[in-house]
Protein backbone atom coordinates (compact mmCIF):
# COMPACT_ATOMS: atom_id res chain seq x y z
CA MET A 1 32.44 230.94 51.26
CA PRO A 2 31.71 229.69 54.89
CA ASP A 3 28.23 230.08 56.27
CA ILE A 4 27.75 232.84 58.53
CA PRO A 5 25.22 233.18 61.61
CA PHE A 6 24.26 236.84 61.03
CA THR A 7 23.28 239.02 64.43
CA SER A 8 19.98 240.70 62.92
CA ARG A 9 18.34 243.80 63.87
CA LYS A 10 14.87 243.61 62.14
CA ALA A 11 13.06 246.57 61.13
CA SER A 12 9.23 247.17 62.39
CA VAL A 13 7.83 248.41 58.90
CA SER A 14 9.48 247.39 55.73
CA ALA A 15 10.54 249.99 53.30
CA ARG A 16 11.26 249.99 49.17
CA ILE A 17 14.71 251.16 49.04
CA THR A 18 16.40 251.46 45.89
CA ILE A 19 20.51 251.98 46.03
CA ILE A 20 22.03 253.61 43.45
CA GLY A 21 25.69 252.02 42.93
CA ALA A 22 27.14 248.43 43.39
CA SER A 23 30.03 249.77 45.08
CA ILE A 24 31.31 248.49 48.64
CA THR A 25 28.99 251.16 49.87
CA GLY A 26 26.03 250.31 47.90
CA LEU A 27 26.60 246.43 48.43
CA ALA A 28 27.07 246.62 51.94
CA THR A 29 23.95 248.97 52.41
CA ALA A 30 21.77 246.41 50.31
CA CYS A 31 23.09 243.30 52.33
CA ILE A 32 22.17 244.71 55.79
CA LEU A 33 19.32 246.68 54.84
CA ARG A 34 17.85 243.59 53.46
CA ARG A 35 18.69 241.57 56.46
CA SER A 36 16.85 243.88 58.12
CA GLY A 37 13.76 243.14 56.54
CA HIS A 38 13.52 245.92 53.90
CA GLU A 39 12.83 245.44 50.13
CA VAL A 40 16.21 246.32 48.42
CA LEU A 41 16.88 247.01 44.81
CA VAL A 42 20.48 247.75 43.61
CA VAL A 43 21.10 249.20 40.13
CA GLU A 44 24.77 249.35 38.77
CA LYS A 45 25.55 251.07 35.21
CA SER A 46 28.49 248.40 35.02
CA ASP A 47 28.79 244.73 34.88
CA GLY A 48 29.82 244.00 38.31
CA LYS A 49 33.20 242.21 37.51
CA TYR A 50 35.54 245.15 38.56
CA ARG A 51 38.08 244.11 40.82
CA THR A 52 41.19 245.46 41.62
CA ASP A 53 43.86 242.89 43.56
CA PHE A 54 46.62 245.35 44.14
CA THR A 55 45.16 247.83 46.27
CA PHE A 56 44.66 247.19 49.94
CA LEU A 57 41.57 248.52 51.74
CA ARG A 58 42.59 249.52 55.12
CA SER A 59 40.11 248.18 57.76
CA PRO A 60 41.01 249.75 61.32
CA PRO A 61 39.21 248.87 64.14
CA ASN A 62 36.27 250.77 63.91
CA MET A 63 35.74 249.45 60.59
CA THR A 64 36.91 245.95 61.74
CA ARG A 65 34.49 245.94 64.54
CA VAL A 66 31.19 246.66 62.62
CA LEU A 67 32.25 243.96 60.00
CA GLN A 68 32.30 241.43 63.04
CA ARG A 69 28.85 242.71 64.40
CA TRP A 70 27.79 242.06 60.88
CA GLY A 71 28.83 238.20 61.26
CA LEU A 72 31.89 238.60 58.75
CA GLN A 73 34.56 237.35 60.99
CA PRO A 74 34.78 233.83 59.32
CA TYR A 75 35.44 236.36 55.79
CA LEU A 76 37.73 238.32 57.45
CA ALA A 77 39.87 235.29 58.87
CA LYS A 78 40.13 234.08 55.38
CA SER A 79 40.72 237.56 53.35
CA GLY A 80 42.24 239.83 55.89
CA MET A 81 45.68 240.53 56.76
CA ILE A 82 46.11 241.30 60.66
CA VAL A 83 48.72 244.10 61.18
CA ASP A 84 50.53 244.34 64.37
CA GLN A 85 52.78 247.36 63.51
CA PHE A 86 53.64 250.07 61.35
CA ARG A 87 57.34 250.32 60.30
CA PHE A 88 58.53 253.44 59.14
CA LEU A 89 61.49 253.76 56.78
CA GLU A 90 63.21 256.33 55.08
CA GLY A 91 62.27 257.05 51.43
CA GLN A 92 65.60 256.91 50.05
CA SER A 93 67.73 254.98 52.04
CA GLY A 94 65.45 252.47 53.35
CA LYS A 95 66.81 252.63 56.89
CA THR A 96 64.09 252.25 59.83
CA ILE A 97 63.02 255.51 61.44
CA GLY A 98 60.60 254.06 64.05
CA VAL A 99 58.05 251.54 64.74
CA LEU A 100 54.61 251.62 65.75
CA LYS A 101 53.38 248.73 67.64
CA LEU A 102 49.52 247.93 67.87
CA TYR A 103 50.08 246.61 71.55
CA GLU A 104 47.76 243.70 72.31
CA GLU A 105 46.24 245.45 75.26
CA LEU A 106 45.18 248.42 72.97
CA LEU A 107 43.59 245.91 70.22
CA ARG A 108 41.99 244.15 72.97
CA ASP A 109 39.99 247.17 74.53
CA LEU A 110 39.04 248.31 71.02
CA MET A 111 37.92 244.59 70.49
CA ALA A 112 39.12 244.54 66.81
CA ASP A 113 42.31 244.20 64.61
CA PHE A 114 43.57 246.63 62.25
CA LEU A 115 43.39 244.60 59.05
CA LEU A 116 44.47 244.93 55.34
CA ILE A 117 41.70 243.37 52.69
CA HIS A 118 42.52 243.53 48.95
CA HIS A 119 39.40 245.47 46.95
CA GLY A 120 38.36 242.43 45.28
CA ASP A 121 38.14 240.10 48.23
CA LEU A 122 35.74 242.73 49.92
CA ILE A 123 33.60 243.16 46.84
CA SER A 124 33.12 239.40 46.68
CA ILE A 125 32.36 239.22 50.42
CA PHE A 126 29.57 241.59 49.70
CA GLN A 127 28.32 240.14 46.44
CA ASP A 128 28.31 236.85 48.03
CA LEU A 129 26.18 238.18 50.90
CA ALA A 130 23.71 239.90 48.66
CA HIS A 131 23.07 236.54 46.70
CA ARG A 132 22.32 234.84 50.20
CA GLU A 133 20.18 237.68 51.49
CA GLY A 134 18.28 237.53 48.49
CA VAL A 135 19.18 241.37 47.26
CA GLU A 136 18.19 241.84 43.55
CA ILE A 137 21.09 243.62 41.86
CA ARG A 138 20.57 244.93 37.92
CA TYR A 139 23.89 245.24 36.33
CA ASN A 140 24.49 247.22 33.05
CA THR A 141 21.62 249.51 34.23
CA ALA A 142 22.19 253.16 34.04
CA VAL A 143 20.26 255.68 35.87
CA VAL A 144 19.31 258.68 34.24
CA LYS A 145 17.58 260.76 36.91
CA ILE A 146 16.31 260.87 40.13
CA GLU A 147 12.49 262.27 40.58
CA ARG A 148 11.71 263.76 44.03
CA VAL A 149 7.84 264.20 43.66
CA PRO A 150 6.99 261.12 43.42
CA LEU A 151 9.93 259.44 44.62
CA THR A 152 11.21 257.65 41.36
CA VAL A 153 14.37 256.50 39.82
CA LEU A 154 14.30 256.83 35.89
CA LEU A 155 16.68 254.18 34.10
CA GLU A 156 18.02 254.55 30.68
CA ASN A 157 16.03 251.54 29.55
CA GLY A 158 13.02 253.51 30.11
CA ASP A 159 12.02 251.69 33.54
CA VAL A 160 10.64 253.63 36.49
CA LEU A 161 11.36 252.45 40.06
CA TYR A 162 9.24 253.86 42.70
CA SER A 163 10.62 253.72 46.17
CA ASP A 164 10.29 254.91 49.94
CA LEU A 165 13.74 255.49 50.10
CA ILE A 166 16.99 255.93 47.79
CA VAL A 167 20.39 255.65 49.12
CA GLY A 168 23.00 257.32 46.61
CA ALA A 169 26.45 255.16 46.43
CA ASP A 170 27.57 255.91 43.11
CA GLY A 171 30.88 257.26 44.04
CA PRO A 172 32.59 260.66 44.22
CA LEU A 173 32.92 261.30 40.42
CA ARG A 174 29.95 262.56 38.40
CA SER A 175 27.32 261.28 40.81
CA ILE A 176 23.68 261.70 39.63
CA SER A 177 22.69 260.82 43.39
CA ARG A 178 24.57 263.76 44.50
CA ASP A 179 23.34 266.30 41.69
CA ALA A 180 19.90 265.36 42.90
CA VAL A 181 20.26 266.26 46.21
CA LEU A 182 22.04 269.07 45.69
CA LEU A 183 20.00 270.24 42.74
CA ARG A 184 23.41 271.23 41.13
CA GLN A 185 26.65 270.05 40.28
CA ILE A 186 29.59 270.17 42.55
CA GLU A 187 32.91 271.24 40.80
CA GLU A 188 35.45 268.62 40.64
CA LEU A 189 38.95 269.70 40.88
CA PRO A 190 41.87 268.02 39.33
CA THR A 191 45.08 267.70 41.15
CA GLN A 192 48.58 266.17 40.67
CA HIS A 193 47.98 263.80 43.43
CA VAL A 194 48.69 260.63 42.06
CA CYS A 195 48.40 256.83 43.63
CA PHE A 196 50.67 254.18 41.92
CA SER A 197 49.19 250.34 42.78
CA PHE A 198 51.43 247.27 41.98
CA SER A 199 52.20 244.10 43.21
CA VAL A 200 55.08 241.35 42.65
CA SER A 201 54.88 237.67 43.37
CA LEU A 202 55.54 237.14 47.19
CA GLU A 203 57.65 234.02 46.17
CA ALA A 204 59.87 235.97 44.04
CA VAL A 205 60.46 238.55 46.69
CA GLN A 206 61.35 236.06 49.50
CA ALA A 207 63.71 234.58 47.11
CA ASP A 208 65.70 238.10 46.85
CA ALA A 209 68.12 238.50 49.94
CA GLU A 210 67.88 242.29 49.37
CA LEU A 211 64.19 242.09 49.38
CA GLU A 212 63.22 239.19 51.81
CA GLY A 213 63.53 242.02 55.13
CA ILE A 214 60.63 243.92 53.94
CA CYS A 215 58.27 240.73 53.75
CA ALA A 216 57.63 239.96 57.59
CA GLN A 217 53.82 239.37 57.75
CA ARG A 218 51.85 241.56 60.22
CA ASN A 219 54.10 244.43 59.15
CA TRP A 220 52.91 247.49 57.29
CA ASN A 221 56.03 249.10 55.83
CA MET A 222 55.83 253.02 55.00
CA TRP A 223 58.56 254.62 53.12
CA LEU A 224 58.44 258.42 53.83
CA GLY A 225 60.31 260.55 51.44
CA ASP A 226 60.65 264.27 49.82
CA GLY A 227 57.16 264.62 48.76
CA PHE A 228 55.93 260.78 48.60
CA VAL A 229 55.02 258.10 50.86
CA ILE A 230 54.97 254.40 49.91
CA TYR A 231 53.19 251.58 51.60
CA GLY A 232 54.00 248.31 51.39
CA ALA A 233 52.62 244.81 52.66
CA CYS A 234 52.41 241.11 51.97
CA HIS A 235 49.11 239.16 51.44
CA VAL A 236 49.31 235.54 51.95
CA CYS A 237 45.54 234.94 52.59
CA SER A 238 44.45 234.58 48.88
CA LEU A 239 47.18 235.73 46.48
CA ASN A 240 50.56 235.43 47.60
CA ARG A 241 51.68 238.87 46.45
CA TYR A 242 53.59 241.79 47.98
CA SER A 243 51.51 245.11 47.51
CA LEU A 244 52.57 248.62 47.09
CA CYS A 245 51.09 251.70 46.65
CA ILE A 246 53.01 255.04 45.98
CA THR A 247 51.63 258.26 46.66
CA THR A 248 53.07 261.43 45.15
CA GLU A 249 52.84 264.30 43.38
CA MET A 250 53.29 264.51 39.49
CA GLU A 251 53.79 267.15 36.68
CA GLY A 252 51.73 267.55 33.44
CA ASP A 253 48.38 266.45 32.36
CA MET A 254 47.16 263.90 34.63
CA THR A 255 43.36 263.86 33.38
CA GLU A 256 43.65 260.54 31.88
CA TYR A 257 44.15 258.84 35.36
CA GLN A 258 41.24 260.55 37.17
CA GLY A 259 39.11 257.89 38.91
CA ASN A 260 41.02 255.07 37.12
CA TRP A 261 41.23 251.94 39.01
CA THR A 262 41.68 249.31 36.32
CA LYS A 263 43.87 250.75 33.23
CA GLN A 264 47.21 249.03 33.71
CA TYR A 265 50.41 250.93 32.37
CA PRO A 266 54.12 249.88 32.07
CA VAL A 267 56.08 251.25 34.52
CA ASP A 268 58.15 253.60 32.36
CA HIS A 269 55.19 255.33 30.88
CA PHE A 270 55.73 257.65 33.94
CA ASP A 271 58.68 259.45 35.13
CA MET A 272 58.62 259.13 38.79
CA LYS A 273 62.01 260.25 39.27
CA LEU A 274 62.99 256.85 40.68
CA GLU A 275 66.39 258.05 41.93
CA ARG A 276 64.66 259.53 44.84
CA PHE A 277 63.58 255.93 45.86
CA GLU A 278 65.45 253.39 48.07
CA PRO A 279 67.33 250.34 45.70
CA ARG A 280 64.53 247.98 47.09
CA ILE A 281 61.83 250.23 45.74
CA ARG A 282 63.43 250.73 42.76
CA LYS A 283 64.07 246.89 42.33
CA LEU A 284 60.35 246.16 42.95
CA LEU A 285 59.30 248.44 40.44
CA LYS A 286 61.34 246.56 37.96
CA MET A 287 59.87 243.14 38.86
CA ALA A 288 56.26 244.76 38.35
CA GLU A 289 54.44 243.72 35.47
CA PHE A 290 52.38 246.94 35.18
CA ILE A 291 51.54 249.77 37.39
CA ILE A 292 47.58 251.32 37.93
CA PRO A 293 47.73 255.07 38.47
CA THR A 294 44.82 256.72 40.27
CA CYS A 295 44.87 260.71 39.98
CA HIS A 296 42.84 262.20 42.90
CA VAL A 297 39.75 264.53 42.10
CA TYR A 298 39.40 267.12 44.97
CA ILE A 299 35.62 267.53 45.53
CA PRO A 300 34.31 269.52 48.13
CA GLU A 301 32.20 268.04 50.52
CA PRO A 302 28.33 268.48 49.79
CA GLU A 303 26.58 271.01 52.32
CA ASN A 304 23.93 268.35 53.14
CA LEU A 305 23.31 264.43 52.70
CA ILE A 306 19.84 264.61 52.11
CA CYS A 307 17.12 266.38 50.38
CA ASP A 308 15.16 268.96 52.07
CA LEU A 309 12.27 266.90 53.46
CA ASP A 310 12.64 264.03 50.87
CA LYS A 311 13.90 260.23 51.21
CA VAL A 312 16.82 260.74 49.26
CA ILE A 313 20.44 260.04 51.39
CA LEU A 314 23.83 260.09 50.08
CA ALA A 315 26.29 257.27 51.25
CA GLY A 316 29.99 256.50 51.07
CA GLN A 317 32.26 257.95 48.61
CA SER A 318 29.15 260.20 47.07
CA ALA A 319 28.63 261.95 50.47
CA HIS A 320 32.20 262.16 51.75
CA PRO A 321 34.65 262.02 48.86
CA THR A 322 38.38 261.11 49.89
CA MET A 323 41.68 260.91 48.52
CA PRO A 324 42.06 257.30 47.14
CA ASP A 325 44.75 256.31 49.64
CA GLY A 326 42.93 257.15 52.79
CA MET A 327 43.37 255.30 55.94
CA HIS A 328 39.53 255.65 56.82
CA SER A 329 38.14 256.15 53.40
CA THR A 330 36.38 252.45 53.58
CA ALA A 331 35.76 252.74 57.20
CA MET A 332 33.54 255.77 56.71
CA CYS A 333 31.63 253.89 54.24
CA ILE A 334 30.72 251.08 56.53
CA GLU A 335 29.93 253.49 59.23
CA ASP A 336 27.12 255.09 57.29
CA VAL A 337 25.79 251.82 56.46
CA ASP A 338 25.90 250.63 60.12
CA ALA A 339 24.13 253.75 61.57
CA LEU A 340 21.44 253.99 58.66
CA ASP A 341 20.58 250.27 59.26
CA TYR A 342 20.14 250.99 62.89
CA LEU A 343 18.07 254.31 62.53
CA LEU A 344 15.94 252.55 60.04
CA THR A 345 14.99 249.76 62.50
CA ARG A 346 13.61 252.20 65.02
CA ILE A 347 10.87 253.89 63.06
CA LYS A 348 7.40 252.75 63.19
CA HIS A 349 5.79 254.09 59.88
CA ILE A 350 7.00 255.02 56.38
CA ASP A 351 6.69 258.40 56.75
CA GLU A 352 9.30 258.76 59.80
CA ILE A 353 12.05 257.92 57.20
CA PRO A 354 12.81 261.76 56.78
CA ARG A 355 13.28 262.54 60.34
CA VAL A 356 15.81 259.89 60.79
CA LEU A 357 17.86 260.62 57.67
CA SER A 358 18.27 263.98 59.41
CA ALA A 359 19.60 261.98 62.37
CA HIS A 360 21.93 260.50 60.40
CA GLU A 361 22.92 263.78 58.01
CA GLU A 362 23.56 264.95 61.80
CA LEU A 363 25.49 262.24 62.82
CA ARG A 364 27.78 261.21 59.97
CA MET A 365 28.75 264.79 58.50
CA GLU A 366 30.83 266.03 61.51
CA ARG A 367 32.68 262.66 61.77
CA CYS A 368 33.39 262.10 58.32
CA THR A 369 34.60 265.97 57.94
CA HIS A 370 36.91 265.19 60.63
CA ALA A 371 38.24 262.43 58.96
CA ARG A 372 38.60 263.69 55.81
CA ASP A 373 40.60 266.67 57.66
CA TRP A 374 42.91 264.19 59.37
CA GLU A 375 43.75 262.17 56.25
CA SER A 376 44.79 265.46 54.55
CA ARG A 377 46.89 266.59 57.64
CA LYS A 378 48.44 262.89 57.94
CA LEU A 379 49.35 263.00 54.13
CA LYS A 380 51.20 266.37 54.54
CA MET A 381 52.98 265.03 57.63
CA LEU A 382 53.98 261.65 55.96
CA THR A 383 55.31 263.33 52.76
CA LEU A 384 57.27 266.26 54.49
CA LEU A 385 60.29 267.83 52.65
CA GLN A 386 63.90 267.74 54.45
CA GLY A 387 64.04 270.32 57.08
CA GLU A 388 63.24 271.26 60.83
CA ASP A 389 59.53 269.73 60.55
CA ARG A 390 60.67 266.48 59.00
CA ASP A 391 63.57 265.97 61.51
CA MET A 392 61.24 266.50 64.40
CA ARG A 393 58.57 264.07 63.08
CA ASP A 394 61.32 261.51 62.26
CA ALA A 395 62.58 262.28 66.03
CA LYS A 396 59.30 261.35 67.21
CA MET A 397 59.37 258.32 65.45
CA ARG A 398 62.36 257.12 66.75
CA CYS A 399 61.05 257.55 70.34
CA LEU A 400 58.28 255.39 69.94
CA SER A 401 60.55 252.55 69.62
CA GLU A 402 63.55 253.54 71.44
CA CYS A 403 62.99 255.78 74.07
CA GLU A 404 62.80 254.22 77.58
CA ASP A 405 61.25 257.28 79.24
CA MET A 406 57.66 256.24 79.06
CA GLU A 407 56.00 260.08 79.68
CA GLU A 408 58.13 261.00 76.36
CA LYS A 409 57.27 258.02 74.50
CA GLU A 410 53.31 258.53 75.39
CA TYR A 411 53.82 262.46 74.37
CA ALA A 412 55.23 261.71 70.87
CA PHE A 413 52.65 258.79 70.40
CA ASN A 414 49.72 261.03 71.10
CA ASP A 415 51.38 263.95 69.21
CA LEU A 416 51.75 261.46 65.87
CA TRP A 417 49.10 259.24 66.35
CA GLY A 418 46.74 260.03 68.86
CA GLU A 419 44.00 261.52 66.67
CA GLU A 420 44.06 258.38 64.52
CA VAL A 421 43.80 256.05 67.81
CA ASP A 422 40.59 258.15 68.83
CA PHE A 423 38.98 256.96 65.44
CA TYR A 424 39.50 253.61 66.50
CA ALA A 425 37.34 253.98 69.34
CA TYR A 426 34.18 255.19 67.62
CA ASP A 427 30.89 253.07 67.43
CA PRO A 428 28.18 254.44 64.93
CA ILE A 429 25.54 252.34 66.83
CA GLU A 430 26.75 253.92 70.21
CA GLN A 431 26.23 257.38 68.55
CA ALA A 432 22.97 256.45 66.74
CA ASP A 433 21.72 254.86 69.91
CA ASN A 434 22.65 257.99 71.97
CA TRP A 435 20.99 260.23 69.13
CA TRP A 436 17.71 258.09 69.41
CA SER A 437 17.66 258.14 73.33
CA MET A 438 17.55 261.92 73.32
CA TYR A 439 15.31 262.59 70.24
CA GLY A 440 13.53 259.22 69.12
CA THR A 441 10.49 259.93 71.40
CA VAL A 442 9.73 263.12 69.34
CA ILE A 443 9.67 261.03 66.23
CA SER A 444 7.60 258.12 67.40
CA ARG A 445 4.89 260.80 68.63
CA ARG A 446 4.25 262.09 65.09
CA PRO A 447 0.82 261.27 63.53
CA SER A 448 1.44 258.39 60.89
CA ASN A 449 0.07 260.32 57.98
CA THR A 450 2.43 263.15 58.24
CA ASP A 451 3.24 264.45 54.75
CA TYR A 452 6.66 264.97 54.32
CA SER A 453 6.46 265.70 50.57
CA CYS A 454 7.95 268.74 48.98
């Protein structure tokens, strides 16, 4: 891994921070807070070896910009694939509907690219950084309970961890952290929404004359069909694979696949009604050695992200559980970390932590709720059944690449993707700094011996 000259924000006071979960959110939080001068311990129930090299994580400009600010550009250059355009294809015929180009001027204004990064690569990046920053990570360590007074984490092996702050990053399903914050369990509702991830050798794809046309680098292909969307892109940085994700509704009992990211199945284990897919997708499925199904579990958003007046906060998927194929799922996690780190570097005393956690909750809940709502609406738009609405969508997509009337083209773009581009311009530090400019002096004036315990 390359040596990285980190930019750094140093905290005025060092806090003892326990992070529950060594997910991308947990590892990123550990790296950045440790770099800011805090004492950080991560506890993770697994062995930390989990990877998936078949799932692309999307890093839209709002996420890429934060990673660059953290000094990760050398890693991104090595592991990330820049996307220049989204290519929309008809799901059954394979014909191009339209092309959305991410123009250089737009990306230059945003100061960041749209990237695709494999999950395994991003996990490795943060594990390497954690080692460099001196983060202590205890794998194979299960949490039994979080006690609020005194603030402690009780481990299955009997150890008790005393903390000034606990960050819950133990994922969307069966989150102990979320139960502790809400003092109850949120009902996890099964759905029929399943994402099938798989990949094939890029060399084999390029050797096939019928498939070669989908392998253009910097293209992200999206096949739009009756009740499904398929994402496909080649990754030449580290794996030389063509990776795909089929998102669709399935019939029958999908319980076995809830939260699954690792268990592999043969393609013919599922009745995906392959006849509805264009011939190239069917050929790619035949070339796949296996497929990984992930069934979405709908989890209502928590009504709050922090314990009332306590020093426990939810982050990432524990705070805002999203569908597994969301465009901004990982971006919201990275934004959470950036905003939390900024706010914690502003405090002068440990007892100010609850106030900045309240600020973080105020800043992040609206943003993440908006992202979740947009992801749901976008999926419905991409998976429309045949009919008038779908015809209108396709006409607007064709307009993006074919229409010569710039006013009409701009209208189609804003109607389809204007909200998406608005997400790209968001900066969590700018928002946190605005909040601090207005309310930070109130926190600073509080006596250092204020008691915030319940």
